[in-house]
Amino acid sequence: MVSQDLLDILRCPACVREKDGNLDFYQESWLICQDCGRKYPVVDDIPVMLIDEGDKWVNTAQTDLPVPPPPMD
């Protein structure tokens, strides 16, 4: 499980310089940016905060996200 302390400090790496970049924790499997909609998977309790990874899921509806996220390539 991802600690609440970590969730409190994580921000979207694509937005944090220009906006808040706040993230919603969805089904303990995804971090979703409130500003840009990028979706970052949480794999083995580790948030994968790579912009390229968030870009892969930006057009996927929140309800269509696979839980758990697929393994990293």
N, C-alpha and C. Protein backbone atom coordinates (compact mmCIF):
# COMPACT_ATOMS: atom_id res chain seq x y z
N MET A 1 0.83 -1.18 0.00
CA MET A 1 0.00 0.00 0.00
C MET A 1 0.88 1.25 0.00
N VAL A 2 0.48 2.25 -0.75
CA VAL A 2 1.20 3.52 -0.83
C VAL A 2 0.86 4.33 0.42
N SER A 3 1.87 4.84 1.08
CA SER A 3 1.63 5.58 2.33
C SER A 3 0.93 6.91 2.05
N GLN A 4 0.13 7.34 2.99
CA GLN A 4 -0.57 8.61 2.87
C GLN A 4 0.41 9.77 2.82
N ASP A 5 1.52 9.66 3.54
CA ASP A 5 2.54 10.72 3.51
C ASP A 5 3.09 10.92 2.10
N LEU A 6 3.32 9.82 1.39
CA LEU A 6 3.80 9.91 0.01
C LEU A 6 2.73 10.51 -0.89
N LEU A 7 1.50 10.04 -0.74
CA LEU A 7 0.41 10.57 -1.56
C LEU A 7 0.22 12.07 -1.36
N ASP A 8 0.48 12.54 -0.15
CA ASP A 8 0.32 13.96 0.15
C ASP A 8 1.33 14.84 -0.56
N ILE A 9 2.50 14.30 -0.87
CA ILE A 9 3.53 15.13 -1.50
C ILE A 9 3.66 14.92 -3.01
N LEU A 10 3.15 13.81 -3.54
CA LEU A 10 3.26 13.55 -4.97
C LEU A 10 2.45 14.55 -5.78
N ARG A 11 3.00 14.98 -6.91
CA ARG A 11 2.33 15.87 -7.85
C ARG A 11 2.62 15.37 -9.26
N CYS A 12 1.76 15.73 -10.19
CA CYS A 12 1.96 15.37 -11.59
C CYS A 12 3.23 16.05 -12.09
N PRO A 13 4.20 15.28 -12.59
CA PRO A 13 5.45 15.89 -13.05
C PRO A 13 5.28 16.78 -14.28
N ALA A 14 4.20 16.57 -15.03
CA ALA A 14 3.97 17.39 -16.22
C ALA A 14 3.34 18.75 -15.88
N CYS A 15 2.66 18.83 -14.76
CA CYS A 15 1.91 20.04 -14.43
C CYS A 15 2.48 20.86 -13.29
N VAL A 16 3.29 20.27 -12.46
CA VAL A 16 3.67 20.89 -11.19
C VAL A 16 4.35 22.26 -11.33
N ARG A 17 4.97 22.55 -12.42
CA ARG A 17 5.65 23.85 -12.57
C ARG A 17 4.69 24.98 -12.91
N GLU A 18 3.56 24.65 -13.56
CA GLU A 18 2.63 25.69 -13.99
C GLU A 18 1.29 25.65 -13.24
N LYS A 19 0.97 24.51 -12.68
CA LYS A 19 -0.31 24.33 -11.98
C LYS A 19 -0.05 23.57 -10.69
N ASP A 20 -1.12 23.24 -9.98
CA ASP A 20 -0.96 22.49 -8.73
C ASP A 20 -0.50 21.05 -8.97
N GLY A 21 -1.03 20.40 -10.01
CA GLY A 21 -0.65 19.02 -10.29
C GLY A 21 -1.13 18.03 -9.24
N ASN A 22 -2.22 18.38 -8.54
CA ASN A 22 -2.75 17.48 -7.53
C ASN A 22 -3.26 16.18 -8.14
N LEU A 23 -3.12 15.12 -7.39
CA LEU A 23 -3.47 13.79 -7.88
C LEU A 23 -4.58 13.17 -7.04
N ASP A 24 -5.48 12.44 -7.72
CA ASP A 24 -6.49 11.64 -7.05
C ASP A 24 -6.01 10.20 -7.05
N PHE A 25 -6.16 9.52 -5.94
CA PHE A 25 -5.78 8.10 -5.83
C PHE A 25 -7.01 7.28 -6.14
N TYR A 26 -6.96 6.56 -7.26
CA TYR A 26 -8.13 5.83 -7.76
C TYR A 26 -7.94 4.32 -7.57
N GLN A 27 -8.82 3.72 -6.84
CA GLN A 27 -8.85 2.27 -6.60
C GLN A 27 -7.50 1.70 -6.18
N GLU A 28 -6.73 2.49 -5.45
CA GLU A 28 -5.41 2.08 -4.96
C GLU A 28 -4.51 1.54 -6.07
N SER A 29 -4.79 1.96 -7.32
CA SER A 29 -4.03 1.47 -8.47
C SER A 29 -3.56 2.57 -9.42
N TRP A 30 -4.14 3.76 -9.31
CA TRP A 30 -3.84 4.83 -10.25
C TRP A 30 -3.77 6.17 -9.54
N LEU A 31 -2.90 7.04 -10.02
CA LEU A 31 -2.86 8.43 -9.60
C LEU A 31 -3.27 9.27 -10.81
N ILE A 32 -4.34 10.03 -10.67
CA ILE A 32 -4.91 10.78 -11.78
C ILE A 32 -4.76 12.27 -11.52
N CYS A 33 -4.12 12.97 -12.45
CA CYS A 33 -3.90 14.41 -12.31
C CYS A 33 -5.22 15.15 -12.48
N GLN A 34 -5.52 16.04 -11.55
CA GLN A 34 -6.73 16.84 -11.61
C GLN A 34 -6.64 17.93 -12.67
N ASP A 35 -5.43 18.29 -13.10
CA ASP A 35 -5.25 19.35 -14.07
C ASP A 35 -5.23 18.86 -15.52
N CYS A 36 -4.42 17.84 -15.81
CA CYS A 36 -4.24 17.42 -17.21
C CYS A 36 -4.89 16.09 -17.54
N GLY A 37 -5.27 15.31 -16.53
CA GLY A 37 -5.91 14.03 -16.77
C GLY A 37 -4.96 12.88 -17.03
N ARG A 38 -3.65 13.12 -16.93
CA ARG A 38 -2.72 11.99 -17.07
C ARG A 38 -2.97 11.01 -15.94
N LYS A 39 -2.77 9.74 -16.26
CA LYS A 39 -3.01 8.68 -15.28
C LYS A 39 -1.73 7.88 -15.10
N TYR A 40 -1.26 7.85 -13.86
CA TYR A 40 -0.01 7.17 -13.53
C TYR A 40 -0.32 5.89 -12.76
N PRO A 41 0.18 4.75 -13.24
CA PRO A 41 -0.11 3.49 -12.56
C PRO A 41 0.69 3.34 -11.27
N VAL A 42 0.14 2.57 -10.36
CA VAL A 42 0.85 2.18 -9.14
C VAL A 42 1.10 0.68 -9.28
N VAL A 43 2.36 0.31 -9.49
CA VAL A 43 2.74 -1.08 -9.75
C VAL A 43 3.54 -1.59 -8.56
N ASP A 44 3.08 -2.67 -7.96
CA ASP A 44 3.74 -3.24 -6.77
C ASP A 44 3.93 -2.18 -5.70
N ASP A 45 2.89 -1.38 -5.48
CA ASP A 45 2.87 -0.32 -4.46
C ASP A 45 3.86 0.81 -4.73
N ILE A 46 4.33 0.93 -5.97
CA ILE A 46 5.25 2.00 -6.35
C ILE A 46 4.60 2.85 -7.43
N PRO A 47 4.36 4.15 -7.16
CA PRO A 47 3.82 5.03 -8.20
C PRO A 47 4.83 5.22 -9.32
N VAL A 48 4.39 5.01 -10.55
CA VAL A 48 5.25 5.19 -11.72
C VAL A 48 4.96 6.59 -12.27
N MET A 49 5.75 7.56 -11.81
CA MET A 49 5.49 8.97 -12.10
C MET A 49 6.30 9.47 -13.31
N LEU A 50 6.28 8.72 -14.37
CA LEU A 50 6.95 9.10 -15.62
C LEU A 50 5.93 9.75 -16.54
N ILE A 51 6.26 10.90 -17.09
CA ILE A 51 5.32 11.60 -17.97
C ILE A 51 4.91 10.71 -19.14
N ASP A 52 5.87 9.98 -19.72
CA ASP A 52 5.55 9.09 -20.84
C ASP A 52 4.52 8.04 -20.44
N GLU A 53 4.61 7.55 -19.21
CA GLU A 53 3.65 6.55 -18.73
C GLU A 53 2.27 7.19 -18.54
N GLY A 54 2.24 8.39 -18.00
CA GLY A 54 0.97 9.11 -17.84
C GLY A 54 0.33 9.41 -19.18
N ASP A 55 1.15 9.72 -20.20
CA ASP A 55 0.65 10.00 -21.54
C ASP A 55 -0.06 8.80 -22.16
N LYS A 56 0.40 7.60 -21.84
CA LYS A 56 -0.19 6.38 -22.42
C LYS A 56 -1.67 6.25 -22.05
N TRP A 57 -2.05 6.78 -20.88
CA TRP A 57 -3.39 6.55 -20.35
C TRP A 57 -4.26 7.80 -20.34
N VAL A 58 -3.76 8.93 -20.83
CA VAL A 58 -4.48 10.19 -20.72
C VAL A 58 -5.85 10.14 -21.40
N ASN A 59 -6.00 9.40 -22.47
CA ASN A 59 -7.28 9.34 -23.18
C ASN A 59 -8.16 8.17 -22.74
N THR A 60 -7.72 7.42 -21.76
CA THR A 60 -8.51 6.31 -21.23
C THR A 60 -9.42 6.83 -20.12
N ALA A 61 -10.70 6.53 -20.22
CA ALA A 61 -11.63 6.96 -19.19
C ALA A 61 -11.27 6.31 -17.86
N GLN A 62 -11.48 7.03 -16.80
CA GLN A 62 -11.15 6.52 -15.47
C GLN A 62 -11.79 5.17 -15.21
N THR A 63 -13.03 5.00 -15.62
CA THR A 63 -13.74 3.73 -15.39
C THR A 63 -13.21 2.60 -16.26
N ASP A 64 -12.43 2.92 -17.29
CA ASP A 64 -11.87 1.89 -18.17
C ASP A 64 -10.44 1.49 -17.82
N LEU A 65 -9.87 2.11 -16.79
CA LEU A 65 -8.51 1.78 -16.40
C LEU A 65 -8.45 0.36 -15.83
N PRO A 66 -7.45 -0.43 -16.26
CA PRO A 66 -7.33 -1.79 -15.72
C PRO A 66 -6.86 -1.77 -14.27
N VAL A 67 -7.53 -2.56 -13.45
CA VAL A 67 -7.16 -2.68 -12.04
C VAL A 67 -6.89 -4.15 -11.77
N PRO A 68 -5.68 -4.52 -11.41
CA PRO A 68 -4.49 -3.67 -11.27
C PRO A 68 -3.93 -3.27 -12.63
N PRO A 69 -3.07 -2.24 -12.64
CA PRO A 69 -2.44 -1.82 -13.90
C PRO A 69 -1.59 -2.96 -14.46
N PRO A 70 -1.41 -2.96 -15.79
CA PRO A 70 -0.55 -3.98 -16.38
C PRO A 70 0.89 -3.80 -15.96
N PRO A 71 1.68 -4.86 -16.01
CA PRO A 71 3.11 -4.76 -15.66
C PRO A 71 3.82 -3.79 -16.60
N MET A 72 4.90 -3.20 -16.13
CA MET A 72 5.67 -2.27 -16.95
C MET A 72 6.39 -3.03 -18.06
N ASP A 73 6.55 -2.34 -19.20
CA ASP A 73 7.24 -2.92 -20.35
C ASP A 73 8.73 -2.99 -20.10
